[in-house]
Amino acid sequence: MNETLEFADLEQVYDLLAEAIDQVGPERETLLLAKLSLLLAHHIPDISLVSEAIATALANCDTAESIGRPGPDL
């Protein structure tokens, strides 16, 4: 069983997220992302996985590669 999204599905998530951000506008982008993060975290039964995902996202915010479309490793 595959426990991660296929790359094509990840691309679709990126597109859906970009569209949602465009719909709410920059003034509500942070609120949208916070709500989405909590909704998705609710589906993960292990706090260590959520913590690891937050740490990975945070670490990748400091790299030039994080500016473009995310790859499977974010």
C-alpha atoms as a PDB file:
ATOM      1  CA  MET A   1       0.000   0.000   0.000  1.00  0.00           C
ATOM      2  CA  ASN A   2       1.329   3.438  -0.995  1.00  0.00           C
ATOM      3  CA  GLU A   3       1.263   5.822   1.984  1.00  0.00           C
ATOM      4  CA  THR A   4       2.100   8.979   0.005  1.00  0.00           C
ATOM      5  CA  LEU A   5       0.465  10.750  -2.898  1.00  0.00           C
ATOM      6  CA  GLU A   6       1.656  10.039  -6.400  1.00  0.00           C
ATOM      7  CA  PHE A   7       3.469  13.007  -7.964  1.00  0.00           C
ATOM      8  CA  ALA A   8       0.553  13.730 -10.340  1.00  0.00           C
ATOM      9  CA  ASP A   9      -1.805  13.885  -7.357  1.00  0.00           C
ATOM     10  CA  LEU A  10       0.613  16.158  -5.516  1.00  0.00           C
ATOM     11  CA  GLU A  11       0.606  18.466  -8.539  1.00  0.00           C
ATOM     12  CA  GLN A  12      -3.194  18.519  -8.402  1.00  0.00           C
ATOM     13  CA  VAL A  13      -3.065  19.411  -4.687  1.00  0.00           C
ATOM     14  CA  TYR A  14      -0.683  22.267  -5.520  1.00  0.00           C
ATOM     15  CA  ASP A  15      -3.094  23.565  -8.172  1.00  0.00           C
ATOM     16  CA  LEU A  16      -6.119  23.270  -5.861  1.00  0.00           C
ATOM     17  CA  LEU A  17      -4.260  25.062  -3.093  1.00  0.00           C
ATOM     18  CA  ALA A  18      -3.147  27.850  -5.428  1.00  0.00           C
ATOM     19  CA  GLU A  19      -6.738  28.323  -6.609  1.00  0.00           C
ATOM     20  CA  ALA A  20      -8.024  28.429  -3.012  1.00  0.00           C
ATOM     21  CA  ILE A  21      -5.395  31.019  -2.052  1.00  0.00           C
ATOM     22  CA  ASP A  22      -6.371  33.118  -5.065  1.00  0.00           C
ATOM     23  CA  GLN A  23     -10.036  32.913  -4.005  1.00  0.00           C
ATOM     24  CA  VAL A  24      -9.471  34.119  -0.438  1.00  0.00           C
ATOM     25  CA  GLY A  25      -6.851  36.704  -1.336  1.00  0.00           C
ATOM     26  CA  PRO A  26      -3.592  37.595   0.404  1.00  0.00           C
ATOM     27  CA  GLU A  27      -5.305  39.072   3.475  1.00  0.00           C
ATOM     28  CA  ARG A  28      -6.894  35.687   4.367  1.00  0.00           C
ATOM     29  CA  GLU A  29      -4.192  33.354   3.006  1.00  0.00           C
ATOM     30  CA  THR A  30      -2.698  32.712   6.448  1.00  0.00           C
ATOM     31  CA  LEU A  31      -6.105  31.869   7.896  1.00  0.00           C
ATOM     32  CA  LEU A  32      -6.853  29.471   5.034  1.00  0.00           C
ATOM     33  CA  LEU A  33      -3.493  27.709   5.400  1.00  0.00           C
ATOM     34  CA  ALA A  34      -3.875  27.422   9.183  1.00  0.00           C
ATOM     35  CA  LYS A  35      -7.371  25.945   8.877  1.00  0.00           C
ATOM     36  CA  LEU A  36      -6.255  23.542   6.154  1.00  0.00           C
ATOM     37  CA  SER A  37      -3.237  22.462   8.203  1.00  0.00           C
ATOM     38  CA  LEU A  38      -5.395  21.686  11.228  1.00  0.00           C
ATOM     39  CA  LEU A  39      -7.973  19.824   9.138  1.00  0.00           C
ATOM     40  CA  LEU A  40      -5.283  17.684   7.526  1.00  0.00           C
ATOM     41  CA  ALA A  41      -3.478  17.108  10.829  1.00  0.00           C
ATOM     42  CA  HIS A  42      -6.742  15.836  12.284  1.00  0.00           C
ATOM     43  CA  HIS A  43      -6.503  12.893   9.840  1.00  0.00           C
ATOM     44  CA  ILE A  44      -3.007  11.916  11.028  1.00  0.00           C
ATOM     45  CA  PRO A  45      -3.182   9.692  14.106  1.00  0.00           C
ATOM     46  CA  ASP A  46       0.444  10.256  15.170  1.00  0.00           C
ATOM     47  CA  ILE A  47       1.599  13.602  16.581  1.00  0.00           C
ATOM     48  CA  SER A  48       5.221  12.791  15.719  1.00  0.00           C
ATOM     49  CA  LEU A  49       4.307  12.696  12.007  1.00  0.00           C
ATOM     50  CA  VAL A  50       2.641  16.099  12.279  1.00  0.00           C
ATOM     51  CA  SER A  51       5.638  17.476  14.169  1.00  0.00           C
ATOM     52  CA  GLU A  52       8.029  16.070  11.561  1.00  0.00           C
ATOM     53  CA  ALA A  53       5.987  17.595   8.718  1.00  0.00           C
ATOM     54  CA  ILE A  54       6.028  21.004  10.414  1.00  0.00           C
ATOM     55  CA  ALA A  55       9.790  20.789  10.947  1.00  0.00           C
ATOM     56  CA  THR A  56      10.361  19.782   7.307  1.00  0.00           C
ATOM     57  CA  ALA A  57       8.185  22.612   6.011  1.00  0.00           C
ATOM     58  CA  LEU A  58       9.915  25.101   8.295  1.00  0.00           C
ATOM     59  CA  ALA A  59      13.383  23.953   7.236  1.00  0.00           C
ATOM     60  CA  ASN A  60      12.441  24.197   3.569  1.00  0.00           C
ATOM     61  CA  CYS A  61      11.253  27.796   3.955  1.00  0.00           C
ATOM     62  CA  ASP A  62      14.903  28.856   4.126  1.00  0.00           C
ATOM     63  CA  THR A  63      15.959  27.351   0.793  1.00  0.00           C
ATOM     64  CA  ALA A  64      15.803  28.794  -2.702  1.00  0.00           C
ATOM     65  CA  GLU A  65      14.283  25.525  -3.951  1.00  0.00           C
ATOM     66  CA  SER A  66      11.183  26.109  -1.831  1.00  0.00           C
ATOM     67  CA  ILE A  67      10.117  29.045  -3.992  1.00  0.00           C
ATOM     68  CA  GLY A  68       8.951  26.927  -6.949  1.00  0.00           C
ATOM     69  CA  ARG A  69       6.490  24.054  -7.066  1.00  0.00           C
ATOM     70  CA  PRO A  70       7.156  21.587  -4.283  1.00  0.00           C
ATOM     71  CA  GLY A  71       8.479  18.166  -5.134  1.00  0.00           C
ATOM     72  CA  PRO A  72       7.596  14.972  -3.299  1.00  0.00           C
ATOM     73  CA  ASP A  73      10.131  15.730  -0.551  1.00  0.00           C
ATOM     74  CA  LEU A  74       8.884  19.306  -0.166  1.00  0.00           C
END
